Amino acid sequence: MSNSEHPAAAADPAEGGHPSAWLLLIYKVPSEPTRLRATVWRRLKGLGAIYLQNSAAALPASPTGERALRKLRREIMEMSGTAVLLVCDALVGEADILAGFQAARDDEYAEIVDRAEDFLVQVEKEHVAEHFSYAELEENEVDLAKLQSWFAKVRGRDAFDAPGRTAAEAALAKCETSLEIYAAQVYARESDAH
């Protein structure tokens, strides 16, 4: 079977459409130590997979997702667990799976919006206290870069353009503007000092 005929290559959720195939990882890891289950859960969450039920996680089929899940399957096997990776179609209930993906991404975007609001409050405190220093500016730049990086990760796994993305983008834009205004104050104070 050529790569173009491979079922996982048939889906293109990045185009905004519905996948024609899903990757389904069904696994079992030893109950002890509990860190093994947590490791698998974190990996799946990082990929953007959603749980259909305990130990059964789904992703839209793609070559990247397939590679990541194959690797995770191998790691589960090395943990003395068992795992099966399937490429399948959803015969019934695909709308529920899609809704699960949208809800998961919207939750992540909402967290970003919350953190962005915290960032804006912090920058405002610096303005009110007239604490315009390069050290504070650098700290705020690092914080904004972390938010932007986090957004990029969520956006990368947002296969279906979840509605919450718009609010997260707007919140980050406000953060950028706020930081630019703060930076201008820092530079102005520096110029006045010389």
N, C-alpha and C. Protein backbone atom coordinates (compact mmCIF):
# COMPACT_ATOMS: atom_id res chain seq x y z
N MET A 1 0.85 -1.18 0.00
CA MET A 1 0.00 0.00 0.00
C MET A 1 0.89 1.24 0.00
N SER A 2 0.70 2.12 -0.94
CA SER A 2 1.51 3.33 -1.00
C SER A 2 1.06 4.29 0.09
N ASN A 3 1.90 5.29 0.35
CA ASN A 3 1.58 6.27 1.39
C ASN A 3 0.27 6.99 1.09
N SER A 4 0.01 7.27 -0.19
CA SER A 4 -1.22 7.98 -0.52
C SER A 4 -2.46 7.10 -0.32
N GLU A 5 -2.26 5.75 -0.33
CA GLU A 5 -3.38 4.86 -0.11
C GLU A 5 -3.55 4.50 1.36
N HIS A 6 -2.59 4.87 2.19
CA HIS A 6 -2.64 4.51 3.62
C HIS A 6 -3.83 5.20 4.27
N PRO A 7 -4.64 4.48 5.04
CA PRO A 7 -5.83 5.07 5.64
C PRO A 7 -5.52 6.30 6.48
N ALA A 8 -4.41 6.30 7.20
CA ALA A 8 -4.10 7.45 8.06
C ALA A 8 -3.76 8.68 7.24
N ALA A 9 -3.30 8.46 6.00
CA ALA A 9 -2.96 9.61 5.17
C ALA A 9 -4.20 10.21 4.52
N ALA A 10 -5.33 9.52 4.58
CA ALA A 10 -6.54 9.99 3.93
C ALA A 10 -7.18 11.17 4.65
N ALA A 11 -6.98 11.27 5.92
CA ALA A 11 -7.62 12.34 6.69
C ALA A 11 -6.79 13.60 6.58
N ASP A 12 -7.47 14.72 6.49
CA ASP A 12 -6.77 15.99 6.51
C ASP A 12 -7.55 16.98 7.36
N PRO A 13 -7.55 16.77 8.69
CA PRO A 13 -8.32 17.67 9.55
C PRO A 13 -7.79 19.08 9.52
N ALA A 14 -6.53 19.29 9.11
CA ALA A 14 -5.98 20.64 9.05
C ALA A 14 -6.72 21.48 8.01
N GLU A 15 -7.37 20.82 7.05
CA GLU A 15 -8.14 21.53 6.04
C GLU A 15 -9.48 22.00 6.59
N GLY A 16 -9.79 21.62 7.84
CA GLY A 16 -11.03 22.06 8.46
C GLY A 16 -12.19 21.11 8.22
N GLY A 17 -11.94 20.04 7.46
CA GLY A 17 -13.01 19.09 7.22
C GLY A 17 -13.02 18.01 8.28
N HIS A 18 -13.92 17.06 8.09
CA HIS A 18 -14.00 15.95 9.03
C HIS A 18 -13.04 14.87 8.58
N PRO A 19 -12.43 14.19 9.51
CA PRO A 19 -11.50 13.14 9.11
C PRO A 19 -12.27 11.98 8.48
N SER A 20 -11.58 11.32 7.54
CA SER A 20 -12.21 10.12 6.96
C SER A 20 -11.81 8.91 7.77
N ALA A 21 -10.87 9.06 8.67
CA ALA A 21 -10.42 7.95 9.50
C ALA A 21 -9.96 8.48 10.85
N TRP A 22 -10.00 7.61 11.81
CA TRP A 22 -9.56 7.93 13.17
C TRP A 22 -8.49 6.96 13.60
N LEU A 23 -7.59 7.41 14.43
CA LEU A 23 -6.62 6.54 15.09
C LEU A 23 -7.19 6.25 16.47
N LEU A 24 -7.23 5.00 16.83
CA LEU A 24 -7.77 4.60 18.12
C LEU A 24 -6.72 3.76 18.84
N LEU A 25 -6.26 4.25 19.98
CA LEU A 25 -5.31 3.52 20.80
C LEU A 25 -6.06 2.94 21.99
N ILE A 26 -6.03 1.62 22.08
CA ILE A 26 -6.64 0.92 23.20
C ILE A 26 -5.50 0.27 23.96
N TYR A 27 -5.39 0.59 25.24
CA TYR A 27 -4.21 0.14 25.98
C TYR A 27 -4.55 -0.28 27.40
N LYS A 28 -3.59 -0.95 27.99
CA LYS A 28 -3.67 -1.31 29.40
C LYS A 28 -2.24 -1.24 29.95
N VAL A 29 -2.09 -0.51 31.06
CA VAL A 29 -0.79 -0.43 31.72
C VAL A 29 -0.93 -1.00 33.13
N PRO A 30 0.17 -1.49 33.68
CA PRO A 30 0.10 -2.02 35.04
C PRO A 30 -0.43 -0.96 36.01
N SER A 31 -1.17 -1.38 37.01
CA SER A 31 -1.74 -0.43 37.97
C SER A 31 -0.68 0.20 38.86
N GLU A 32 0.43 -0.47 39.04
CA GLU A 32 1.53 0.08 39.84
C GLU A 32 2.80 0.06 39.02
N PRO A 33 3.61 1.06 39.07
CA PRO A 33 3.39 2.33 39.75
C PRO A 33 2.42 3.22 38.98
N THR A 34 1.70 4.05 39.70
CA THR A 34 0.67 4.89 39.08
C THR A 34 1.24 5.90 38.10
N ARG A 35 2.52 6.20 38.21
CA ARG A 35 3.13 7.17 37.30
C ARG A 35 3.06 6.70 35.85
N LEU A 36 2.98 5.37 35.64
CA LEU A 36 2.90 4.86 34.27
C LEU A 36 1.60 5.32 33.61
N ARG A 37 0.49 5.20 34.32
CA ARG A 37 -0.80 5.67 33.77
C ARG A 37 -0.77 7.17 33.54
N ALA A 38 -0.17 7.89 34.49
CA ALA A 38 -0.08 9.34 34.35
C ALA A 38 0.77 9.73 33.14
N THR A 39 1.84 9.00 32.90
CA THR A 39 2.70 9.28 31.75
C THR A 39 1.92 9.11 30.45
N VAL A 40 1.18 8.01 30.32
CA VAL A 40 0.39 7.77 29.12
C VAL A 40 -0.67 8.85 28.97
N TRP A 41 -1.36 9.18 30.05
CA TRP A 41 -2.41 10.22 30.00
C TRP A 41 -1.83 11.55 29.52
N ARG A 42 -0.67 11.94 30.08
CA ARG A 42 -0.04 13.21 29.69
C ARG A 42 0.33 13.21 28.21
N ARG A 43 0.88 12.10 27.74
CA ARG A 43 1.26 12.01 26.33
C ARG A 43 0.05 12.16 25.42
N LEU A 44 -1.01 11.45 25.76
CA LEU A 44 -2.22 11.52 24.94
C LEU A 44 -2.82 12.93 24.97
N LYS A 45 -2.83 13.53 26.13
CA LYS A 45 -3.35 14.90 26.25
C LYS A 45 -2.49 15.86 25.41
N GLY A 46 -1.18 15.66 25.47
CA GLY A 46 -0.27 16.51 24.68
C GLY A 46 -0.47 16.38 23.18
N LEU A 47 -0.92 15.22 22.75
CA LEU A 47 -1.21 15.01 21.33
C LEU A 47 -2.57 15.57 20.94
N GLY A 48 -3.41 15.82 21.94
CA GLY A 48 -4.75 16.33 21.67
C GLY A 48 -5.78 15.22 21.57
N ALA A 49 -5.40 14.00 21.93
CA ALA A 49 -6.33 12.88 21.88
C ALA A 49 -7.43 13.05 22.93
N ILE A 50 -8.57 12.47 22.65
CA ILE A 50 -9.64 12.46 23.64
C ILE A 50 -9.95 11.00 23.99
N TYR A 51 -10.40 10.83 25.21
CA TYR A 51 -10.77 9.49 25.66
C TYR A 51 -12.22 9.22 25.28
N LEU A 52 -12.43 8.11 24.61
CA LEU A 52 -13.78 7.66 24.30
C LEU A 52 -14.34 6.87 25.47
N GLN A 53 -13.45 6.23 26.20
CA GLN A 53 -13.74 5.56 27.45
C GLN A 53 -12.39 5.24 28.08
N ASN A 54 -12.38 4.63 29.25
CA ASN A 54 -11.12 4.31 29.91
C ASN A 54 -10.21 3.54 28.98
N SER A 55 -8.98 4.01 28.87
CA SER A 55 -7.93 3.34 28.10
C SER A 55 -8.22 3.20 26.62
N ALA A 56 -9.07 4.05 26.07
CA ALA A 56 -9.36 4.07 24.64
C ALA A 56 -9.38 5.53 24.20
N ALA A 57 -8.33 5.93 23.49
CA ALA A 57 -8.19 7.33 23.09
C ALA A 57 -8.18 7.46 21.57
N ALA A 58 -8.77 8.54 21.07
CA ALA A 58 -8.91 8.74 19.63
C ALA A 58 -8.25 10.05 19.19
N LEU A 59 -7.71 10.01 17.98
CA LEU A 59 -7.15 11.18 17.30
C LEU A 59 -7.62 11.13 15.85
N PRO A 60 -7.78 12.27 15.20
CA PRO A 60 -8.01 12.22 13.76
C PRO A 60 -6.79 11.57 13.12
N ALA A 61 -7.00 10.71 12.15
CA ALA A 61 -5.89 10.03 11.51
C ALA A 61 -5.04 11.01 10.71
N SER A 62 -3.75 10.93 10.93
CA SER A 62 -2.77 11.71 10.18
C SER A 62 -1.44 11.00 10.32
N PRO A 63 -0.53 11.21 9.39
CA PRO A 63 0.78 10.57 9.52
C PRO A 63 1.51 10.98 10.81
N THR A 64 1.39 12.23 11.20
CA THR A 64 2.05 12.70 12.43
C THR A 64 1.44 12.02 13.66
N GLY A 65 0.12 11.99 13.72
CA GLY A 65 -0.55 11.34 14.84
C GLY A 65 -0.23 9.86 14.89
N GLU A 66 -0.19 9.23 13.73
CA GLU A 66 0.13 7.80 13.70
C GLU A 66 1.53 7.53 14.23
N ARG A 67 2.51 8.33 13.81
CA ARG A 67 3.88 8.15 14.32
C ARG A 67 3.92 8.31 15.83
N ALA A 68 3.24 9.34 16.33
CA ALA A 68 3.25 9.60 17.78
C ALA A 68 2.59 8.45 18.54
N LEU A 69 1.48 7.94 18.03
CA LEU A 69 0.79 6.86 18.72
C LEU A 69 1.53 5.53 18.60
N ARG A 70 2.22 5.30 17.50
CA ARG A 70 3.06 4.11 17.38
C ARG A 70 4.17 4.15 18.43
N LYS A 71 4.76 5.32 18.57
CA LYS A 71 5.83 5.49 19.57
C LYS A 71 5.27 5.25 20.97
N LEU A 72 4.11 5.84 21.26
CA LEU A 72 3.50 5.65 22.57
C LEU A 72 3.14 4.19 22.80
N ARG A 73 2.65 3.53 21.78
CA ARG A 73 2.34 2.10 21.90
C ARG A 73 3.59 1.32 22.29
N ARG A 74 4.70 1.61 21.64
CA ARG A 74 5.96 0.94 21.96
C ARG A 74 6.35 1.20 23.42
N GLU A 75 6.19 2.44 23.86
CA GLU A 75 6.52 2.78 25.25
C GLU A 75 5.62 2.03 26.24
N ILE A 76 4.34 1.92 25.90
CA ILE A 76 3.41 1.16 26.76
C ILE A 76 3.85 -0.29 26.85
N MET A 77 4.25 -0.86 25.73
CA MET A 77 4.72 -2.24 25.73
C MET A 77 5.97 -2.38 26.61
N GLU A 78 6.85 -1.37 26.58
CA GLU A 78 8.06 -1.39 27.41
C GLU A 78 7.72 -1.25 28.89
N MET A 79 6.53 -0.73 29.20
CA MET A 79 6.06 -0.61 30.58
C MET A 79 5.41 -1.91 31.06
N SER A 80 5.52 -2.95 30.25
CA SER A 80 4.85 -4.24 30.51
C SER A 80 3.34 -4.13 30.37
N GLY A 81 2.91 -3.20 29.53
CA GLY A 81 1.49 -3.06 29.25
C GLY A 81 1.14 -3.69 27.92
N THR A 82 -0.08 -3.48 27.51
CA THR A 82 -0.53 -3.93 26.19
C THR A 82 -1.18 -2.75 25.48
N ALA A 83 -1.09 -2.76 24.17
CA ALA A 83 -1.68 -1.66 23.40
C ALA A 83 -1.93 -2.11 21.97
N VAL A 84 -3.04 -1.65 21.44
CA VAL A 84 -3.40 -1.89 20.05
C VAL A 84 -3.70 -0.53 19.44
N LEU A 85 -3.16 -0.29 18.26
CA LEU A 85 -3.43 0.95 17.54
C LEU A 85 -4.22 0.60 16.29
N LEU A 86 -5.39 1.22 16.17
CA LEU A 86 -6.29 0.94 15.04
C LEU A 86 -6.51 2.20 14.22
N VAL A 87 -6.71 2.00 12.93
CA VAL A 87 -7.21 3.05 12.05
C VAL A 87 -8.63 2.63 11.72
N CYS A 88 -9.59 3.51 11.99
CA CYS A 88 -10.99 3.09 11.81
C CYS A 88 -11.85 4.28 11.40
N ASP A 89 -13.04 3.95 10.93
CA ASP A 89 -14.07 4.95 10.65
C ASP A 89 -15.06 4.92 11.80
N ALA A 90 -15.66 6.05 12.08
CA ALA A 90 -16.74 6.09 13.07
C ALA A 90 -18.04 5.83 12.31
N LEU A 91 -18.67 4.71 12.58
CA LEU A 91 -19.91 4.39 11.90
C LEU A 91 -21.07 5.21 12.45
N VAL A 92 -21.09 5.36 13.76
CA VAL A 92 -22.12 6.13 14.44
C VAL A 92 -21.43 6.87 15.58
N GLY A 93 -21.84 8.08 15.84
CA GLY A 93 -21.30 8.82 16.97
C GLY A 93 -20.14 9.73 16.64
N GLU A 94 -19.83 9.92 15.37
CA GLU A 94 -18.72 10.79 15.02
C GLU A 94 -18.95 12.22 15.50
N ALA A 95 -20.19 12.67 15.48
CA ALA A 95 -20.49 14.03 15.96
C ALA A 95 -20.10 14.18 17.43
N ASP A 96 -20.30 13.11 18.21
CA ASP A 96 -19.91 13.15 19.62
C ASP A 96 -18.39 13.22 19.77
N ILE A 97 -17.68 12.49 18.91
CA ILE A 97 -16.22 12.52 18.96
C ILE A 97 -15.73 13.93 18.61
N LEU A 98 -16.29 14.48 17.53
CA LEU A 98 -15.91 15.84 17.13
C LEU A 98 -16.22 16.85 18.24
N ALA A 99 -17.37 16.70 18.85
CA ALA A 99 -17.74 17.61 19.95
C ALA A 99 -16.76 17.47 21.10
N GLY A 100 -16.30 16.26 21.37
CA GLY A 100 -15.30 16.04 22.41
C GLY A 100 -13.99 16.74 22.09
N PHE A 101 -13.57 16.68 20.82
CA PHE A 101 -12.35 17.38 20.43
C PHE A 101 -12.51 18.89 20.59
N GLN A 102 -13.65 19.41 20.13
CA GLN A 102 -13.89 20.85 20.24
C GLN A 102 -13.91 21.29 21.70
N ALA A 103 -14.57 20.53 22.55
CA ALA A 103 -14.64 20.88 23.97
C ALA A 103 -13.26 20.85 24.62
N ALA A 104 -12.45 19.86 24.26
CA ALA A 104 -11.10 19.76 24.83
C ALA A 104 -10.25 20.96 24.42
N ARG A 105 -10.32 21.35 23.16
CA ARG A 105 -9.54 22.51 22.72
C ARG A 105 -10.09 23.79 23.33
N ASP A 106 -11.42 23.92 23.39
CA ASP A 106 -12.01 25.12 23.99
C ASP A 106 -11.59 25.27 25.45
N ASP A 107 -11.51 24.16 26.17
CA ASP A 107 -11.04 24.21 27.56
C ASP A 107 -9.60 24.72 27.62
N GLU A 108 -8.77 24.25 26.71
CA GLU A 108 -7.38 24.71 26.70
C GLU A 108 -7.30 26.19 26.33
N TYR A 109 -8.08 26.60 25.35
CA TYR A 109 -8.09 28.02 24.97
C TYR A 109 -8.60 28.88 26.12
N ALA A 110 -9.59 28.40 26.86
CA ALA A 110 -10.12 29.16 28.00
C ALA A 110 -9.03 29.33 29.07
N GLU A 111 -8.22 28.30 29.28
CA GLU A 111 -7.11 28.43 30.23
C GLU A 111 -6.12 29.50 29.78
N ILE A 112 -5.86 29.54 28.49
CA ILE A 112 -4.95 30.55 27.96
C ILE A 112 -5.53 31.94 28.19
N VAL A 113 -6.82 32.09 27.95
CA VAL A 113 -7.47 33.39 28.17
C VAL A 113 -7.34 33.79 29.65
N ASP A 114 -7.56 32.85 30.56
CA ASP A 114 -7.41 33.14 31.99
C ASP A 114 -6.00 33.59 32.32
N ARG A 115 -5.02 32.89 31.81
CA ARG A 115 -3.62 33.25 32.08
C ARG A 115 -3.27 34.59 31.43
N ALA A 116 -3.85 34.87 30.28
CA ALA A 116 -3.62 36.15 29.63
C ALA A 116 -4.18 37.29 30.48
N GLU A 117 -5.35 37.05 31.09
CA GLU A 117 -5.93 38.06 31.97
C GLU A 117 -5.02 38.29 33.19
N ASP A 118 -4.44 37.23 33.72
CA ASP A 118 -3.49 37.37 34.82
C ASP A 118 -2.28 38.19 34.38
N PHE A 119 -1.82 37.94 33.17
CA PHE A 119 -0.68 38.68 32.62
C PHE A 119 -1.01 40.17 32.54
N LEU A 120 -2.20 40.49 32.03
CA LEU A 120 -2.61 41.89 31.90
C LEU A 120 -2.69 42.57 33.26
N VAL A 121 -3.18 41.86 34.27
CA VAL A 121 -3.25 42.41 35.63
C VAL A 121 -1.85 42.71 36.14
N GLN A 122 -0.92 41.79 35.88
CA GLN A 122 0.46 41.98 36.35
C GLN A 122 1.11 43.20 35.70
N VAL A 123 0.92 43.35 34.41
CA VAL A 123 1.51 44.50 33.70
C VAL A 123 0.87 45.79 34.20
N GLU A 124 -0.43 45.76 34.46
CA GLU A 124 -1.11 46.95 34.99
C GLU A 124 -0.57 47.33 36.36
N LYS A 125 -0.27 46.33 37.20
CA LYS A 125 0.32 46.60 38.51
C LYS A 125 1.66 47.31 38.37
N GLU A 126 2.43 46.91 37.38
CA GLU A 126 3.73 47.57 37.15
C GLU A 126 3.52 49.03 36.75
N HIS A 127 2.50 49.28 35.94
CA HIS A 127 2.18 50.67 35.55
C HIS A 127 1.78 51.48 36.78
N VAL A 128 0.87 50.95 37.56
CA VAL A 128 0.36 51.67 38.74
C VAL A 128 1.49 51.96 39.72
N ALA A 129 2.37 51.00 39.91
CA ALA A 129 3.49 51.18 40.85
C ALA A 129 4.63 51.97 40.22
N GLU A 130 4.47 52.31 38.93
CA GLU A 130 5.53 53.00 38.18
C GLU A 130 6.86 52.26 38.32
N HIS A 131 6.79 50.97 38.16
CA HIS A 131 7.96 50.10 38.25
C HIS A 131 8.36 49.75 36.82
N PHE A 132 9.11 50.67 36.21
CA PHE A 132 9.51 50.52 34.81
C PHE A 132 10.98 50.16 34.73
N SER A 133 11.27 48.88 34.79
CA SER A 133 12.68 48.44 34.76
C SER A 133 12.85 47.39 33.66
N TYR A 134 14.10 47.30 33.22
CA TYR A 134 14.41 46.29 32.21
C TYR A 134 14.21 44.88 32.76
N ALA A 135 14.48 44.69 34.02
CA ALA A 135 14.30 43.37 34.63
C ALA A 135 12.83 42.95 34.58
N GLU A 136 11.93 43.87 34.93
CA GLU A 136 10.50 43.56 34.86
C GLU A 136 10.05 43.35 33.43
N LEU A 137 10.57 44.17 32.52
CA LEU A 137 10.22 44.03 31.12
C LEU A 137 10.64 42.64 30.61
N GLU A 138 11.85 42.23 30.96
CA GLU A 138 12.34 40.93 30.53
C GLU A 138 11.49 39.80 31.11
N GLU A 139 11.13 39.92 32.37
CA GLU A 139 10.28 38.91 33.01
C GLU A 139 8.93 38.81 32.32
N ASN A 140 8.35 39.97 32.00
CA ASN A 140 7.06 39.97 31.30
C ASN A 140 7.18 39.43 29.88
N GLU A 141 8.30 39.71 29.22
CA GLU A 141 8.52 39.16 27.88
C GLU A 141 8.58 37.63 27.93
N VAL A 142 9.25 37.10 28.94
CA VAL A 142 9.34 35.65 29.10
C VAL A 142 7.94 35.07 29.35
N ASP A 143 7.17 35.73 30.20
CA ASP A 143 5.81 35.24 30.49
C ASP A 143 4.94 35.24 29.23
N LEU A 144 5.05 36.30 28.43
CA LEU A 144 4.27 36.36 27.20
C LEU A 144 4.73 35.29 26.22
N ALA A 145 6.03 35.08 26.12
CA ALA A 145 6.54 34.04 25.22
C ALA A 145 6.02 32.66 25.63
N LYS A 146 5.89 32.42 26.93
CA LYS A 146 5.34 31.14 27.40
C LYS A 146 3.88 31.00 26.98
N LEU A 147 3.12 32.08 27.13
CA LEU A 147 1.71 32.05 26.70
C LEU A 147 1.60 31.79 25.19
N GLN A 148 2.45 32.46 24.43
CA GLN A 148 2.41 32.29 22.98
C GLN A 148 2.81 30.87 22.58
N SER A 149 3.78 30.32 23.26
CA SER A 149 4.22 28.95 22.98
C SER A 149 3.11 27.96 23.31
N TRP A 150 2.46 28.17 24.44
CA TRP A 150 1.34 27.33 24.86
C TRP A 150 0.22 27.39 23.82
N PHE A 151 -0.10 28.60 23.37
CA PHE A 151 -1.13 28.77 22.34
C PHE A 151 -0.74 28.01 21.08
N ALA A 152 0.52 28.10 20.67
CA ALA A 152 0.98 27.41 19.46
C ALA A 152 0.80 25.89 19.59
N LYS A 153 1.06 25.36 20.78
CA LYS A 153 0.87 23.92 20.99
C LYS A 153 -0.60 23.54 20.88
N VAL A 154 -1.45 24.32 21.51
CA VAL A 154 -2.89 24.03 21.45
C VAL A 154 -3.38 24.18 20.02
N ARG A 155 -2.96 25.23 19.36
CA ARG A 155 -3.36 25.47 17.96
C ARG A 155 -2.92 24.31 17.08
N GLY A 156 -1.74 23.76 17.36
CA GLY A 156 -1.23 22.65 16.58
C GLY A 156 -2.07 21.39 16.69
N ARG A 157 -2.75 21.22 17.81
CA ARG A 157 -3.61 20.05 17.97
C ARG A 157 -5.09 20.36 17.78
N ASP A 158 -5.39 21.58 17.38
CA ASP A 158 -6.77 22.01 17.13
C ASP A 158 -7.12 21.67 15.69
N ALA A 159 -7.44 20.40 15.46
CA ALA A 159 -7.68 19.90 14.11
C ALA A 159 -8.94 20.46 13.46
N PHE A 160 -9.88 20.97 14.26
CA PHE A 160 -11.16 21.38 13.70
C PHE A 160 -11.51 22.85 13.99
N ASP A 161 -10.51 23.66 14.28
CA ASP A 161 -10.71 25.09 14.52
C ASP A 161 -11.80 25.37 15.56
N ALA A 162 -11.52 24.98 16.79
CA ALA A 162 -12.46 25.18 17.89
C ALA A 162 -12.80 26.65 18.05
N PRO A 163 -14.02 26.95 18.41
CA PRO A 163 -14.47 28.35 18.53
C PRO A 163 -13.67 29.16 19.56
N GLY A 164 -13.15 28.51 20.59
CA GLY A 164 -12.42 29.23 21.63
C GLY A 164 -11.11 29.84 21.17
N ARG A 165 -10.64 29.43 20.00
CA ARG A 165 -9.38 29.96 19.49
C ARG A 165 -9.44 31.47 19.30
N THR A 166 -10.56 31.98 18.83
CA THR A 166 -10.71 33.41 18.56
C THR A 166 -10.49 34.23 19.83
N ALA A 167 -11.09 33.81 20.93
CA ALA A 167 -10.92 34.53 22.20
C ALA A 167 -9.48 34.45 22.68
N ALA A 168 -8.83 33.31 22.49
CA ALA A 168 -7.43 33.17 22.91
C ALA A 168 -6.53 34.08 22.08
N GLU A 169 -6.78 34.13 20.78
CA GLU A 169 -5.99 35.02 19.92
C GLU A 169 -6.18 36.48 20.32
N ALA A 170 -7.41 36.86 20.61
CA ALA A 170 -7.69 38.25 21.01
C ALA A 170 -7.01 38.56 22.34
N ALA A 171 -7.05 37.62 23.27
CA ALA A 171 -6.42 37.83 24.58
C ALA A 171 -4.91 38.00 24.43
N LEU A 172 -4.30 37.18 23.59
CA LEU A 172 -2.86 37.30 23.37
C LEU A 172 -2.51 38.62 22.68
N ALA A 173 -3.35 39.06 21.77
CA ALA A 173 -3.12 40.35 21.11
C ALA A 173 -3.15 41.48 22.14
N LYS A 174 -4.09 41.41 23.10
CA LYS A 174 -4.15 42.42 24.16
C LYS A 174 -2.87 42.39 25.00
N CYS A 175 -2.39 41.19 25.28
CA CYS A 175 -1.15 41.05 26.05
C CYS A 175 0.02 41.68 25.31
N GLU A 176 0.11 41.43 24.01
CA GLU A 176 1.19 42.00 23.21
C GLU A 176 1.13 43.52 23.23
N THR A 177 -0.06 44.07 23.05
CA THR A 177 -0.23 45.53 23.07
C THR A 177 0.15 46.10 24.43
N SER A 178 -0.31 45.46 25.48
CA SER A 178 0.00 45.91 26.84
C SER A 178 1.50 45.90 27.09
N LEU A 179 2.16 44.85 26.63
CA LEU A 179 3.61 44.76 26.83
C LEU A 179 4.33 45.82 26.00
N GLU A 180 3.86 46.09 24.80
CA GLU A 180 4.47 47.14 23.97
C GLU A 180 4.37 48.50 24.65
N ILE A 181 3.22 48.80 25.23
CA ILE A 181 3.03 50.07 25.94
C ILE A 181 3.96 50.13 27.15
N TYR A 182 4.04 49.03 27.89
CA TYR A 182 4.94 48.97 29.05
C TYR A 182 6.39 49.14 28.62
N ALA A 183 6.79 48.47 27.54
CA ALA A 183 8.16 48.57 27.05
C ALA A 183 8.48 50.02 26.65
N ALA A 184 7.54 50.70 26.02
CA ALA A 184 7.75 52.09 25.63
C ALA A 184 8.02 52.96 26.86
N GLN A 185 7.31 52.69 27.96
CA GLN A 185 7.53 53.42 29.21
C GLN A 185 8.92 53.14 29.78
N VAL A 186 9.32 51.87 29.73
CA VAL A 186 10.65 51.50 30.22
C VAL A 186 11.72 52.23 29.41
N TYR A 187 11.59 52.22 28.09
CA TYR A 187 12.59 52.88 27.24
C TYR A 187 12.58 54.39 27.44
N ALA A 188 11.39 54.96 27.63
CA ALA A 188 11.30 56.41 27.86
C ALA A 188 11.99 56.80 29.15
N ARG A 189 11.77 56.00 30.22
CA ARG A 189 12.41 56.28 31.49
C ARG A 189 13.92 56.16 31.38
N GLU A 190 14.37 55.17 30.61
CA GLU A 190 15.81 54.96 30.41
C GLU A 190 16.42 56.16 29.69
N SER A 191 15.70 56.65 28.65
CA SER A 191 16.19 57.80 27.90
C SER A 191 16.25 59.04 28.77
N ASP A 192 15.23 59.23 29.62
CA ASP A 192 15.19 60.39 30.51
C ASP A 192 16.31 60.35 31.54
N ALA A 193 16.74 59.14 31.89
CA ALA A 193 17.78 58.99 32.91
C ALA A 193 19.16 59.34 32.37
N HIS A 194 19.30 59.39 31.06
CA HIS A 194 20.63 59.67 30.47
C HIS A 194 20.70 61.03 29.89
